[in-house]
Amino acid sequence: MKLEQPILGRPALLAACLAAALLGPPTSRALADTAYVANDLGKSVSMIDTETNKTVGKAIKVGKGPRVLAGTPDGKRVYVANRASNNVSVINTKGIASTRFIRGRGTSSSAGTP
């Protein structure tokens, strides 16, 4: 019997859970009108207009294996836990671009707002 690899390693999963717990669900009207969806194989995040259910603009490049997304309460940023690259991408929702990466260190990583 072949065992499958976990979707997220422990460090990335802990970082994603911490970010989701600290940031909570997005409350901004801008984020309410747009859904952010991780494209694992495309190493990107797509934006979907929630009224038309159609993609908006180009996919935003992030790290390898994006899995878990969390938005800040003010709607200015979306954090993306990238499983395969062991980091977290930070998306600026105003400029609609991946602004930076928060890198994991050794066997653990964490994310938070500055």
PDB file of N, CA and C in Angstrom:
ATOM      1  N   MET A   1       0.838  -1.166   0.000  1.00  0.00           N
ATOM      2  CA  MET A   1       0.000   0.000   0.000  1.00  0.00           C
ATOM      3  C   MET A   1       0.893   1.242   0.000  1.00  0.00           C
ATOM      4  N   LYS A   2       0.652   2.145  -0.943  1.00  0.00           N
ATOM      5  CA  LYS A   2       1.460   3.356  -1.058  1.00  0.00           C
ATOM      6  C   LYS A   2       0.785   4.482  -0.268  1.00  0.00           C
ATOM      7  N   LEU A   3       1.552   5.127   0.608  1.00  0.00           N
ATOM      8  CA  LEU A   3       1.025   6.238   1.384  1.00  0.00           C
ATOM      9  C   LEU A   3       1.223   7.529   0.614  1.00  0.00           C
ATOM     10  N   GLU A   4       0.206   8.359   0.604  1.00  0.00           N
ATOM     11  CA  GLU A   4       0.317   9.645  -0.068  1.00  0.00           C
ATOM     12  C   GLU A   4       1.030  10.631   0.835  1.00  0.00           C
ATOM     13  N   GLN A   5       1.732  11.582   0.202  1.00  0.00           N
ATOM     14  CA  GLN A   5       2.379  12.639   0.961  1.00  0.00           C
ATOM     15  C   GLN A   5       1.310  13.597   1.460  1.00  0.00           C
ATOM     16  N   PRO A   6       1.525  14.210   2.620  1.00  0.00           N
ATOM     17  CA  PRO A   6       0.544  15.165   3.118  1.00  0.00           C
ATOM     18  C   PRO A   6       0.451  16.370   2.185  1.00  0.00           C
ATOM     19  N   ILE A   7      -0.717  16.979   2.133  1.00  0.00           N
ATOM     20  CA  ILE A   7      -0.933  18.147   1.280  1.00  0.00           C
ATOM     21  C   ILE A   7      -0.030  19.294   1.720  1.00  0.00           C
ATOM     22  N   LEU A   8       0.053  19.537   3.006  1.00  0.00           N
ATOM     23  CA  LEU A   8       0.924  20.580   3.542  1.00  0.00           C
ATOM     24  C   LEU A   8       1.854  19.953   4.566  1.00  0.00           C
ATOM     25  N   GLY A   9       3.118  20.358   4.555  1.00  0.00           N
ATOM     26  CA  GLY A   9       4.035  19.929   5.601  1.00  0.00           C
ATOM     27  C   GLY A   9       3.637  20.598   6.907  1.00  0.00           C
ATOM     28  N   ARG A  10       4.092  20.092   8.000  1.00  0.00           N
ATOM     29  CA  ARG A  10       3.728  20.652   9.300  1.00  0.00           C
ATOM     30  C   ARG A  10       4.042  22.137   9.426  1.00  0.00           C
ATOM     31  N   PRO A  11       5.239  22.601   9.006  1.00  0.00           N
ATOM     32  CA  PRO A  11       5.542  24.031   9.148  1.00  0.00           C
ATOM     33  C   PRO A  11       4.587  24.920   8.346  1.00  0.00           C
ATOM     34  N   ALA A  12       4.318  24.547   7.102  1.00  0.00           N
ATOM     35  CA  ALA A  12       3.433  25.363   6.261  1.00  0.00           C
ATOM     36  C   ALA A  12       2.011  25.315   6.785  1.00  0.00           C
ATOM     37  N   LEU A  13       1.569  24.144   7.252  1.00  0.00           N
ATOM     38  CA  LEU A  13       0.222  24.014   7.793  1.00  0.00           C
ATOM     39  C   LEU A  13       0.071  24.859   9.051  1.00  0.00           C
ATOM     40  N   LEU A  14       1.077  24.826   9.931  1.00  0.00           N
ATOM     41  CA  LEU A  14       1.028  25.642  11.140  1.00  0.00           C
ATOM     42  C   LEU A  14       1.000  27.125  10.797  1.00  0.00           C
ATOM     43  N   ALA A  15       1.808  27.542   9.813  1.00  0.00           N
ATOM     44  CA  ALA A  15       1.828  28.948   9.402  1.00  0.00           C
ATOM     45  C   ALA A  15       0.480  29.365   8.838  1.00  0.00           C
ATOM     46  N   ALA A  16      -0.123  28.504   8.019  1.00  0.00           N
ATOM     47  CA  ALA A  16      -1.424  28.815   7.425  1.00  0.00           C
ATOM     48  C   ALA A  16      -2.512  28.904   8.493  1.00  0.00           C
ATOM     49  N   CYS A  17      -2.498  27.977   9.443  1.00  0.00           N
ATOM     50  CA  CYS A  17      -3.490  27.988  10.519  1.00  0.00           C
ATOM     51  C   CYS A  17      -3.322  29.217  11.402  1.00  0.00           C
ATOM     52  N   LEU A  18      -2.069  29.561  11.703  1.00  0.00           N
ATOM     53  CA  LEU A  18      -1.803  30.741  12.504  1.00  0.00           C
ATOM     54  C   LEU A  18      -2.293  31.999  11.792  1.00  0.00           C
ATOM     55  N   ALA A  19      -1.982  32.109  10.506  1.00  0.00           N
ATOM     56  CA  ALA A  19      -2.425  33.277   9.732  1.00  0.00           C
ATOM     57  C   ALA A  19      -3.944  33.354   9.696  1.00  0.00           C
ATOM     58  N   ALA A  20      -4.612  32.233   9.458  1.00  0.00           N
ATOM     59  CA  ALA A  20      -6.073  32.219   9.403  1.00  0.00           C
ATOM     60  C   ALA A  20      -6.675  32.585  10.756  1.00  0.00           C
ATOM     61  N   ALA A  21      -6.085  32.080  11.842  1.00  0.00           N
ATOM     62  CA  ALA A  21      -6.596  32.379  13.176  1.00  0.00           C
ATOM     63  C   ALA A  21      -6.407  33.844  13.536  1.00  0.00           C
ATOM     64  N   LEU A  22      -5.231  34.390  13.198  1.00  0.00           N
ATOM     65  CA  LEU A  22      -4.944  35.783  13.525  1.00  0.00           C
ATOM     66  C   LEU A  22      -5.700  36.767  12.641  1.00  0.00           C
ATOM     67  N   LEU A  23      -5.804  36.421  11.359  1.00  0.00           N
ATOM     68  CA  LEU A  23      -6.398  37.352  10.406  1.00  0.00           C
ATOM     69  C   LEU A  23      -7.908  37.217  10.319  1.00  0.00           C
ATOM     70  N   GLY A  24      -8.414  36.011  10.507  1.00  0.00           N
ATOM     71  CA  GLY A  24      -9.846  35.777  10.417  1.00  0.00           C
ATOM     72  C   GLY A  24     -10.348  35.909   8.997  1.00  0.00           C
ATOM     73  N   PRO A  25     -11.655  35.800   8.817  1.00  0.00           N
ATOM     74  CA  PRO A  25     -12.209  35.905   7.470  1.00  0.00           C
ATOM     75  C   PRO A  25     -12.132  37.342   6.965  1.00  0.00           C
ATOM     76  N   PRO A  26     -11.955  37.517   5.652  1.00  0.00           N
ATOM     77  CA  PRO A  26     -11.897  38.872   5.109  1.00  0.00           C
ATOM     78  C   PRO A  26     -13.235  39.577   5.281  1.00  0.00           C
ATOM     79  N   THR A  27     -13.187  40.852   5.666  1.00  0.00           N
ATOM     80  CA  THR A  27     -14.424  41.605   5.869  1.00  0.00           C
ATOM     81  C   THR A  27     -14.546  42.775   4.904  1.00  0.00           C
ATOM     82  N   SER A  28     -13.525  43.027   4.129  1.00  0.00           N
ATOM     83  CA  SER A  28     -13.543  44.144   3.197  1.00  0.00           C
ATOM     84  C   SER A  28     -14.545  43.896   2.072  1.00  0.00           C
ATOM     85  N   ARG A  29     -15.230  44.941   1.641  1.00  0.00           N
ATOM     86  CA  ARG A  29     -16.161  44.820   0.513  1.00  0.00           C
ATOM     87  C   ARG A  29     -15.417  44.412  -0.750  1.00  0.00           C
ATOM     88  N   ALA A  30     -14.175  44.914  -0.922  1.00  0.00           N
ATOM     89  CA  ALA A  30     -13.383  44.554  -2.107  1.00  0.00           C
ATOM     90  C   ALA A  30     -13.118  43.058  -2.143  1.00  0.00           C
ATOM     91  N   LEU A  31     -12.795  42.462  -0.997  1.00  0.00           N
ATOM     92  CA  LEU A  31     -12.566  41.025  -0.961  1.00  0.00           C
ATOM     93  C   LEU A  31     -13.868  40.252  -1.075  1.00  0.00           C
ATOM     94  N   ALA A  32     -14.981  40.830  -0.619  1.00  0.00           N
ATOM     95  CA  ALA A  32     -16.265  40.139  -0.710  1.00  0.00           C
ATOM     96  C   ALA A  32     -16.702  39.992  -2.160  1.00  0.00           C
ATOM     97  N   ASP A  33     -16.294  40.899  -3.029  1.00  0.00           N
ATOM     98  CA  ASP A  33     -16.659  40.843  -4.442  1.00  0.00           C
ATOM     99  C   ASP A  33     -15.717  39.974  -5.261  1.00  0.00           C
ATOM    100  N   THR A  34     -14.613  39.564  -4.661  1.00  0.00           N
ATOM    101  CA  THR A  34     -13.597  38.794  -5.377  1.00  0.00           C
ATOM    102  C   THR A  34     -13.215  37.563  -4.562  1.00  0.00           C
ATOM    103  N   ALA A  35     -13.214  36.411  -5.214  1.00  0.00           N
ATOM    104  CA  ALA A  35     -12.726  35.187  -4.587  1.00  0.00           C
ATOM    105  C   ALA A  35     -11.309  34.931  -5.085  1.00  0.00           C
ATOM    106  N   TYR A  36     -10.424  34.555  -4.189  1.00  0.00           N
ATOM    107  CA  TYR A  36      -9.048  34.229  -4.548  1.00  0.00           C
ATOM    108  C   TYR A  36      -8.905  32.710  -4.467  1.00  0.00           C
ATOM    109  N   VAL A  37      -8.472  32.090  -5.566  1.00  0.00           N
ATOM    110  CA  VAL A  37      -8.413  30.631  -5.667  1.00  0.00           C
ATOM    111  C   VAL A  37      -6.994  30.196  -6.010  1.00  0.00           C
ATOM    112  N   ALA A  38      -6.454  29.245  -5.229  1.00  0.00           N
ATOM    113  CA  ALA A  38      -5.100  28.739  -5.456  1.00  0.00           C
ATOM    114  C   ALA A  38      -5.076  27.777  -6.635  1.00  0.00           C
ATOM    115  N   ASN A  39      -4.114  27.959  -7.529  1.00  0.00           N
ATOM    116  CA  ASN A  39      -3.878  27.064  -8.665  1.00  0.00           C
ATOM    117  C   ASN A  39      -2.577  26.311  -8.389  1.00  0.00           C
ATOM    118  N   ASP A  40      -2.692  25.138  -7.786  1.00  0.00           N
ATOM    119  CA  ASP A  40      -1.522  24.393  -7.330  1.00  0.00           C
ATOM    120  C   ASP A  40      -0.498  24.167  -8.433  1.00  0.00           C
ATOM    121  N   LEU A  41      -0.893  23.612  -9.549  1.00  0.00           N
ATOM    122  CA  LEU A  41       0.057  23.294 -10.612  1.00  0.00           C
ATOM    123  C   LEU A  41       0.513  24.533 -11.376  1.00  0.00           C
ATOM    124  N   GLY A  42      -0.288  25.584 -11.365  1.00  0.00           N
ATOM    125  CA  GLY A  42       0.069  26.808 -12.070  1.00  0.00           C
ATOM    126  C   GLY A  42       0.921  27.757 -11.257  1.00  0.00           C
ATOM    127  N   LYS A  43       1.192  27.410  -9.986  1.00  0.00           N
ATOM    128  CA  LYS A  43       1.972  28.281  -9.101  1.00  0.00           C
ATOM    129  C   LYS A  43       1.409  29.694  -9.095  1.00  0.00           C
ATOM    130  N   SER A  44       0.083  29.786  -8.992  1.00  0.00           N
ATOM    131  CA  SER A  44      -0.553  31.089  -9.063  1.00  0.00           C
ATOM    132  C   SER A  44      -1.871  31.094  -8.287  1.00  0.00           C
ATOM    133  N   VAL A  45      -2.437  32.292  -8.185  1.00  0.00           N
ATOM    134  CA  VAL A  45      -3.745  32.496  -7.570  1.00  0.00           C
ATOM    135  C   VAL A  45      -4.604  33.237  -8.583  1.00  0.00           C
ATOM    136  N   SER A  46      -5.806  32.732  -8.818  1.00  0.00           N
ATOM    137  CA  SER A  46      -6.739  33.396  -9.737  1.00  0.00           C
ATOM    138  C   SER A  46      -7.761  34.192  -8.941  1.00  0.00           C
ATOM    139  N   MET A  47      -8.215  35.285  -9.539  1.00  0.00           N
ATOM    140  CA  MET A  47      -9.273  36.090  -8.940  1.00  0.00           C
ATOM    141  C   MET A  47     -10.564  35.814  -9.702  1.00  0.00           C
ATOM    142  N   ILE A  48     -11.643  35.624  -8.960  1.00  0.00           N
ATOM    143  CA  ILE A  48     -12.944  35.347  -9.568  1.00  0.00           C
ATOM    144  C   ILE A  48     -13.947  36.366  -9.067  1.00  0.00           C
ATOM    145  N   ASP A  49     -14.649  37.014  -9.997  1.00  0.00           N
ATOM    146  CA  ASP A  49     -15.726  37.943  -9.651  1.00  0.00           C
ATOM    147  C   ASP A  49     -16.877  37.107  -9.100  1.00  0.00           C
ATOM    148  N   THR A  50     -17.276  37.345  -7.852  1.00  0.00           N
ATOM    149  CA  THR A  50     -18.290  36.506  -7.216  1.00  0.00           C
ATOM    150  C   THR A  50     -19.701  36.754  -7.739  1.00  0.00           C
ATOM    151  N   GLU A  51     -19.902  37.844  -8.454  1.00  0.00           N
ATOM    152  CA  GLU A  51     -21.230  38.080  -9.040  1.00  0.00           C
ATOM    153  C   GLU A  51     -21.384  37.390 -10.387  1.00  0.00           C
ATOM    154  N   THR A  52     -20.299  37.362 -11.185  1.00  0.00           N
ATOM    155  CA  THR A  52     -20.378  36.767 -12.525  1.00  0.00           C
ATOM    156  C   THR A  52     -19.777  35.364 -12.577  1.00  0.00           C
ATOM    157  N   ASN A  53     -19.027  34.979 -11.529  1.00  0.00           N
ATOM    158  CA  ASN A  53     -18.320  33.691 -11.483  1.00  0.00           C
ATOM    159  C   ASN A  53     -17.330  33.530 -12.638  1.00  0.00           C
ATOM    160  N   LYS A  54     -16.734  34.637 -13.075  1.00  0.00           N
ATOM    161  CA  LYS A  54     -15.729  34.613 -14.137  1.00  0.00           C
ATOM    162  C   LYS A  54     -14.407  35.122 -13.600  1.00  0.00           C
ATOM    163  N   THR A  55     -13.310  34.598 -14.181  1.00  0.00           N
ATOM    164  CA  THR A  55     -11.992  35.052 -13.745  1.00  0.00           C
ATOM    165  C   THR A  55     -11.784  36.508 -14.143  1.00  0.00           C
ATOM    166  N   VAL A  56     -11.003  37.191 -13.325  1.00  0.00           N
ATOM    167  CA  VAL A  56     -10.720  38.609 -13.540  1.00  0.00           C
ATOM    168  C   VAL A  56      -9.219  38.763 -13.703  1.00  0.00           C
ATOM    169  N   GLY A  57      -8.780  39.359 -14.803  1.00  0.00           N
ATOM    170  CA  GLY A  57      -7.361  39.620 -15.014  1.00  0.00           C
ATOM    171  C   GLY A  57      -6.525  38.353 -15.128  1.00  0.00           C
ATOM    172  N   LYS A  58      -5.208  38.554 -15.048  1.00  0.00           N
ATOM    173  CA  LYS A  58      -4.270  37.441 -15.138  1.00  0.00           C
ATOM    174  C   LYS A  58      -4.082  36.805 -13.762  1.00  0.00           C
ATOM    175  N   ALA A  59      -3.691  35.537 -13.766  1.00  0.00           N
ATOM    176  CA  ALA A  59      -3.382  34.853 -12.515  1.00  0.00           C
ATOM    177  C   ALA A  59      -2.163  35.513 -11.869  1.00  0.00           C
ATOM    178  N   ILE A  60      -2.147  35.567 -10.551  1.00  0.00           N
ATOM    179  CA  ILE A  60      -1.063  36.179  -9.791  1.00  0.00           C
ATOM    180  C   ILE A  60      -0.047  35.098  -9.449  1.00  0.00           C
ATOM    181  N   LYS A  61       1.205  35.302  -9.843  1.00  0.00           N
ATOM    182  CA  LYS A  61       2.266  34.331  -9.562  1.00  0.00           C
ATOM    183  C   LYS A  61       2.588  34.314  -8.069  1.00  0.00           C
ATOM    184  N   VAL A  62       2.658  33.097  -7.523  1.00  0.00           N
ATOM    185  CA  VAL A  62       3.041  32.897  -6.127  1.00  0.00           C
ATOM    186  C   VAL A  62       4.063  31.764  -6.077  1.00  0.00           C
ATOM    187  N   GLY A  63       4.312  31.205  -4.910  1.00  0.00           N
ATOM    188  CA  GLY A  63       5.270  30.114  -4.784  1.00  0.00           C
ATOM    189  C   GLY A  63       4.730  28.796  -5.307  1.00  0.00           C
ATOM    190  N   LYS A  64       5.524  27.754  -5.158  1.00  0.00           N
ATOM    191  CA  LYS A  64       5.151  26.419  -5.639  1.00  0.00           C
ATOM    192  C   LYS A  64       4.165  25.755  -4.682  1.00  0.00           C
ATOM    193  N   GLY A  65       3.097  25.198  -5.235  1.00  0.00           N
ATOM    194  CA  GLY A  65       2.120  24.461  -4.433  1.00  0.00           C
ATOM    195  C   GLY A  65       1.272  25.310  -3.513  1.00  0.00           C
ATOM    196  N   PRO A  66       0.668  26.408  -4.006  1.00  0.00           N
ATOM    197  CA  PRO A  66      -0.187  27.218  -3.131  1.00  0.00           C
ATOM    198  C   PRO A  66      -1.377  26.400  -2.641  1.00  0.00           C
ATOM    199  N   ARG A  67      -1.699  26.499  -1.344  1.00  0.00           N
ATOM    200  CA  ARG A  67      -2.768  25.686  -0.774  1.00  0.00           C
ATOM    201  C   ARG A  67      -3.790  26.488   0.023  1.00  0.00           C
ATOM    202  N   VAL A  68      -3.330  27.204   1.033  1.00  0.00           N
ATOM    203  CA  VAL A  68      -4.237  27.861   1.971  1.00  0.00           C
ATOM    204  C   VAL A  68      -4.122  29.369   1.810  1.00  0.00           C
ATOM    205  N   LEU A  69      -5.274  30.065   1.736  1.00  0.00           N
ATOM    206  CA  LEU A  69      -5.295  31.515   1.591  1.00  0.00           C
ATOM    207  C   LEU A  69      -6.010  32.142   2.785  1.00  0.00           C
ATOM    208  N   ALA A  70      -5.535  33.315   3.224  1.00  0.00           N
ATOM    209  CA  ALA A  70      -6.184  34.071   4.293  1.00  0.00           C
ATOM    210  C   ALA A  70      -6.052  35.545   3.971  1.00  0.00           C
ATOM    211  N   GLY A  71      -7.139  36.293   4.131  1.00  0.00           N
ATOM    212  CA  GLY A  71      -7.121  37.725   3.869  1.00  0.00           C
ATOM    213  C   GLY A  71      -7.079  38.526   5.151  1.00  0.00           C
ATOM    214  N   THR A  72      -6.472  39.718   5.095  1.00  0.00           N
ATOM    215  CA  THR A  72      -6.469  40.604   6.258  1.00  0.00           C
ATOM    216  C   THR A  72      -7.858  41.210   6.418  1.00  0.00           C
ATOM    217  N   PRO A  73      -8.254  41.552   7.641  1.00  0.00           N
ATOM    218  CA  PRO A  73      -9.587  42.117   7.861  1.00  0.00           C
ATOM    219  C   PRO A  73      -9.858  43.389   7.068  1.00  0.00           C
ATOM    220  N   ASP A  74      -8.808  44.180   6.794  1.00  0.00           N
ATOM    221  CA  ASP A  74      -9.014  45.410   6.028  1.00  0.00           C
ATOM    222  C   ASP A  74      -9.036  45.173   4.520  1.00  0.00           C
ATOM    223  N   GLY A  75      -8.768  43.934   4.096  1.00  0.00           N
ATOM    224  CA  GLY A  75      -8.837  43.586   2.673  1.00  0.00           C
ATOM    225  C   GLY A  75      -7.651  44.016   1.840  1.00  0.00           C
ATOM    226  N   LYS A  76      -6.584  44.507   2.473  1.00  0.00           N
ATOM    227  CA  LYS A  76      -5.441  45.014   1.714  1.00  0.00           C
ATOM    228  C   LYS A  76      -4.474  43.921   1.248  1.00  0.00           C
ATOM    229  N   ARG A  77      -4.450  42.787   1.965  1.00  0.00           N
ATOM    230  CA  ARG A  77      -3.516  41.721   1.616  1.00  0.00           C
ATOM    231  C   ARG A  77      -4.174  40.350   1.715  1.00  0.00           C
ATOM    232  N   VAL A  78      -3.656  39.424   0.906  1.00  0.00           N
ATOM    233  CA  VAL A  78      -4.029  38.015   0.986  1.00  0.00           C
ATOM    234  C   VAL A  78      -2.738  37.230   1.162  1.00  0.00           C
ATOM    235  N   TYR A  79      -2.697  36.352   2.166  1.00  0.00           N
ATOM    236  CA  TYR A  79      -1.532  35.510   2.425  1.00  0.00           C
ATOM    237  C   TYR A  79      -1.790  34.123   1.844  1.00  0.00           C
ATOM    238  N   VAL A  80      -0.779  33.576   1.169  1.00  0.00           N
ATOM    239  CA  VAL A  80      -0.905  32.277   0.514  1.00  0.00           C
ATOM    240  C   VAL A  80       0.184  31.343   1.038  1.00  0.00           C
ATOM    241  N   ALA A  81      -0.211  30.228   1.662  1.00  0.00           N
ATOM    242  CA  ALA A  81       0.764  29.233   2.123  1.00  0.00           C
ATOM    243  C   ALA A  81       1.145  28.357   0.939  1.00  0.00           C
ATOM    244  N   ASN A  82       2.435  28.369   0.591  1.00  0.00           N
ATOM    245  CA  ASN A  82       2.956  27.607  -0.545  1.00  0.00           C
ATOM    246  C   ASN A  82       3.660  26.350  -0.032  1.00  0.00           C
ATOM    247  N   ARG A  83       3.017  25.215  -0.228  1.00  0.00           N
ATOM    248  CA  ARG A  83       3.491  23.937   0.299  1.00  0.00           C
ATOM    249  C   ARG A  83       4.861  23.555  -0.226  1.00  0.00           C
ATOM    250  N   ALA A  84       5.036  23.541  -1.529  1.00  0.00           N
ATOM    251  CA  ALA A  84       6.264  23.009  -2.128  1.00  0.00           C
ATOM    252  C   ALA A  84       7.468  23.936  -1.983  1.00  0.00           C
ATOM    253  N   SER A  85       7.247  25.233  -1.910  1.00  0.00           N
ATOM    254  CA  SER A  85       8.381  26.150  -1.775  1.00  0.00           C
ATOM    255  C   SER A  85       8.613  26.575  -0.326  1.00  0.00           C
ATOM    256  N   ASN A  86       7.810  26.035   0.606  1.00  0.00           N
ATOM    257  CA  ASN A  86       7.980  26.284   2.033  1.00  0.00           C
ATOM    258  C   ASN A  86       8.049  27.775   2.359  1.00  0.00           C
ATOM    259  N   ASN A  87       7.081  28.537   1.814  1.00  0.00           N
ATOM    260  CA  ASN A  87       7.022  29.951   2.129  1.00  0.00           C
ATOM    261  C   ASN A  87       5.587  30.439   2.047  1.00  0.00           C
ATOM    262  N   VAL A  88       5.390  31.694   2.353  1.00  0.00           N
ATOM    263  CA  VAL A  88       4.079  32.323   2.294  1.00  0.00           C
ATOM    264  C   VAL A  88       4.183  33.527   1.380  1.00  0.00           C
ATOM    265  N   SER A  89       3.316  33.600   0.365  1.00  0.00           N
ATOM    266  CA  SER A  89       3.280  34.760  -0.528  1.00  0.00           C
ATOM    267  C   SER A  89       2.340  35.798   0.057  1.00  0.00           C
ATOM    268  N   VAL A  90       2.663  37.064  -0.145  1.00  0.00           N
ATOM    269  CA  VAL A  90       1.815  38.162   0.294  1.00  0.00           C
ATOM    270  C   VAL A  90       1.319  38.891  -0.953  1.00  0.00           C
ATOM    271  N   ILE A  91       0.013  38.899  -1.148  1.00  0.00           N
ATOM    272  CA  ILE A  91      -0.584  39.560  -2.314  1.00  0.00           C
ATOM    273  C   ILE A  91      -1.156  40.903  -1.888  1.00  0.00           C
ATOM    274  N   ASN A  92      -0.757  41.958  -2.584  1.00  0.00           N
ATOM    275  CA  ASN A  92      -1.306  43.293  -2.375  1.00  0.00           C
ATOM    276  C   ASN A  92      -2.576  43.375  -3.216  1.00  0.00           C
ATOM    277  N   THR A  93      -3.746  43.426  -2.591  1.00  0.00           N
ATOM    278  CA  THR A  93      -5.007  43.409  -3.338  1.00  0.00           C
ATOM    279  C   THR A  93      -5.285  44.719  -4.071  1.00  0.00           C
ATOM    280  N   LYS A  94      -4.656  45.793  -3.658  1.00  0.00           N
ATOM    281  CA  LYS A  94      -4.835  47.071  -4.367  1.00  0.00           C
ATOM    282  C   LYS A  94      -4.130  47.032  -5.715  1.00  0.00           C
ATOM    283  N   GLY A  95      -2.874  46.597  -5.712  1.00  0.00           N
ATOM    284  CA  GLY A  95      -2.094  46.534  -6.943  1.00  0.00           C
ATOM    285  C   GLY A  95      -2.250  45.206  -7.658  1.00  0.00           C
ATOM    286  N   ILE A  96      -2.958  44.268  -7.033  1.00  0.00           N
ATOM    287  CA  ILE A  96      -3.175  42.929  -7.563  1.00  0.00           C
ATOM    288  C   ILE A  96      -1.866  42.318  -8.057  1.00  0.00           C
ATOM    289  N   ALA A  97      -0.934  42.175  -7.127  1.00  0.00           N
ATOM    290  CA  ALA A  97       0.349  41.553  -7.445  1.00  0.00           C
ATOM    291  C   ALA A  97       0.889  40.869  -6.205  1.00  0.00           C
ATOM    292  N   SER A  98       1.682  39.836  -6.422  1.00  0.00           N
ATOM    293  CA  SER A  98       2.376  39.187  -5.320  1.00  0.00           C
ATOM    294  C   SER A  98       3.516  40.110  -4.928  1.00  0.00           C
ATOM    295  N   THR A  99       3.497  40.599  -3.701  1.00  0.00           N
ATOM    296  CA  THR A  99       4.455  41.622  -3.314  1.00  0.00           C
ATOM    297  C   THR A  99       5.732  41.075  -2.705  1.00  0.00           C
ATOM    298  N   ARG A 100       5.639  39.945  -1.982  1.00  0.00           N
ATOM    299  CA  ARG A 100       6.835  39.412  -1.345  1.00  0.00           C
ATOM    300  C   ARG A 100       6.569  38.005  -0.840  1.00  0.00           C
ATOM    301  N   PHE A 101       7.632  37.367  -0.379  1.00  0.00           N
ATOM    302  CA  PHE A 101       7.549  36.037   0.208  1.00  0.00           C
ATOM    303  C   PHE A 101       8.044  36.092   1.639  1.00  0.00           C
ATOM    304  N   ILE A 102       7.405  35.340   2.504  1.00  0.00           N
ATOM    305  CA  ILE A 102       7.898  35.129   3.855  1.00  0.00           C
ATOM    306  C   ILE A 102       8.464  33.722   3.836  1.00  0.00           C
ATOM    307  N   ARG A 103       9.763  33.591   3.976  1.00  0.00           N
ATOM    308  CA  ARG A 103      10.439  32.301   3.842  1.00  0.00           C
ATOM    309  C   ARG A 103      10.413  31.519   5.146  1.00  0.00           C
ATOM    310  N   GLY A 104      10.338  30.187   4.994  1.00  0.00           N
ATOM    311  CA  GLY A 104      10.456  29.299   6.145  1.00  0.00           C
ATOM    312  C   GLY A 104      11.918  29.204   6.549  1.00  0.00           C
ATOM    313  N   ARG A 105      12.169  28.886   7.804  1.00  0.00           N
ATOM    314  CA  ARG A 105      13.545  28.744   8.294  1.00  0.00           C
ATOM    315  C   ARG A 105      13.701  27.343   8.847  1.00  0.00           C
ATOM    316  N   GLY A 106      14.545  26.564   8.223  1.00  0.00           N
ATOM    317  CA  GLY A 106      14.800  25.216   8.707  1.00  0.00           C
ATOM    318  C   GLY A 106      13.559  24.366   8.680  1.00  0.00           C
ATOM    319  N   THR A 107      13.125  23.907   9.853  1.00  0.00           N
ATOM    320  CA  THR A 107      11.970  23.025   9.903  1.00  0.00           C
ATOM    321  C   THR A 107      10.693  23.731  10.301  1.00  0.00           C
ATOM    322  N   SER A 108      10.735  25.045  10.481  1.00  0.00           N
ATOM    323  CA  SER A 108       9.508  25.736  10.848  1.00  0.00           C
ATOM    324  C   SER A 108       9.405  27.056  10.112  1.00  0.00           C
ATOM    325  N   SER A 109       8.181  27.546   9.983  1.00  0.00           N
ATOM    326  CA  SER A 109       7.945  28.850   9.372  1.00  0.00           C
ATOM    327  C   SER A 109       6.736  29.472  10.035  1.00  0.00           C
ATOM    328  N   SER A 110       6.615  30.783   9.928  1.00  0.00           N
ATOM    329  CA  SER A 110       5.467  31.463  10.506  1.00  0.00           C
ATOM    330  C   SER A 110       5.125  32.665   9.668  1.00  0.00           C
ATOM    331  N   ALA A 111       3.913  33.160   9.825  1.00  0.00           N
ATOM    332  CA  ALA A 111       3.462  34.322   9.093  1.00  0.00           C
ATOM    333  C   ALA A 111       2.701  35.235  10.030  1.00  0.00           C
ATOM    334  N   GLY A 112       2.690  36.517   9.726  1.00  0.00           N
ATOM    335  CA  GLY A 112       1.942  37.477  10.517  1.00  0.00           C
ATOM    336  C   GLY A 112       1.983  38.817   9.834  1.00  0.00           C
ATOM    337  N   THR A 113       1.234  39.763  10.332  1.00  0.00           N
ATOM    338  CA  THR A 113       1.262  41.085   9.751  1.00  0.00           C
ATOM    339  C   THR A 113       2.325  41.910  10.447  1.00  0.00           C
ATOM    340  N   PRO A 114       2.975  42.811   9.712  1.00  0.00           N
ATOM    341  CA  PRO A 114       4.018  43.644  10.321  1.00  0.00           C
ATOM    342  C   PRO A 114       3.458  44.586  11.355  1.00  0.00           C
TER     343      PRO A 114
END
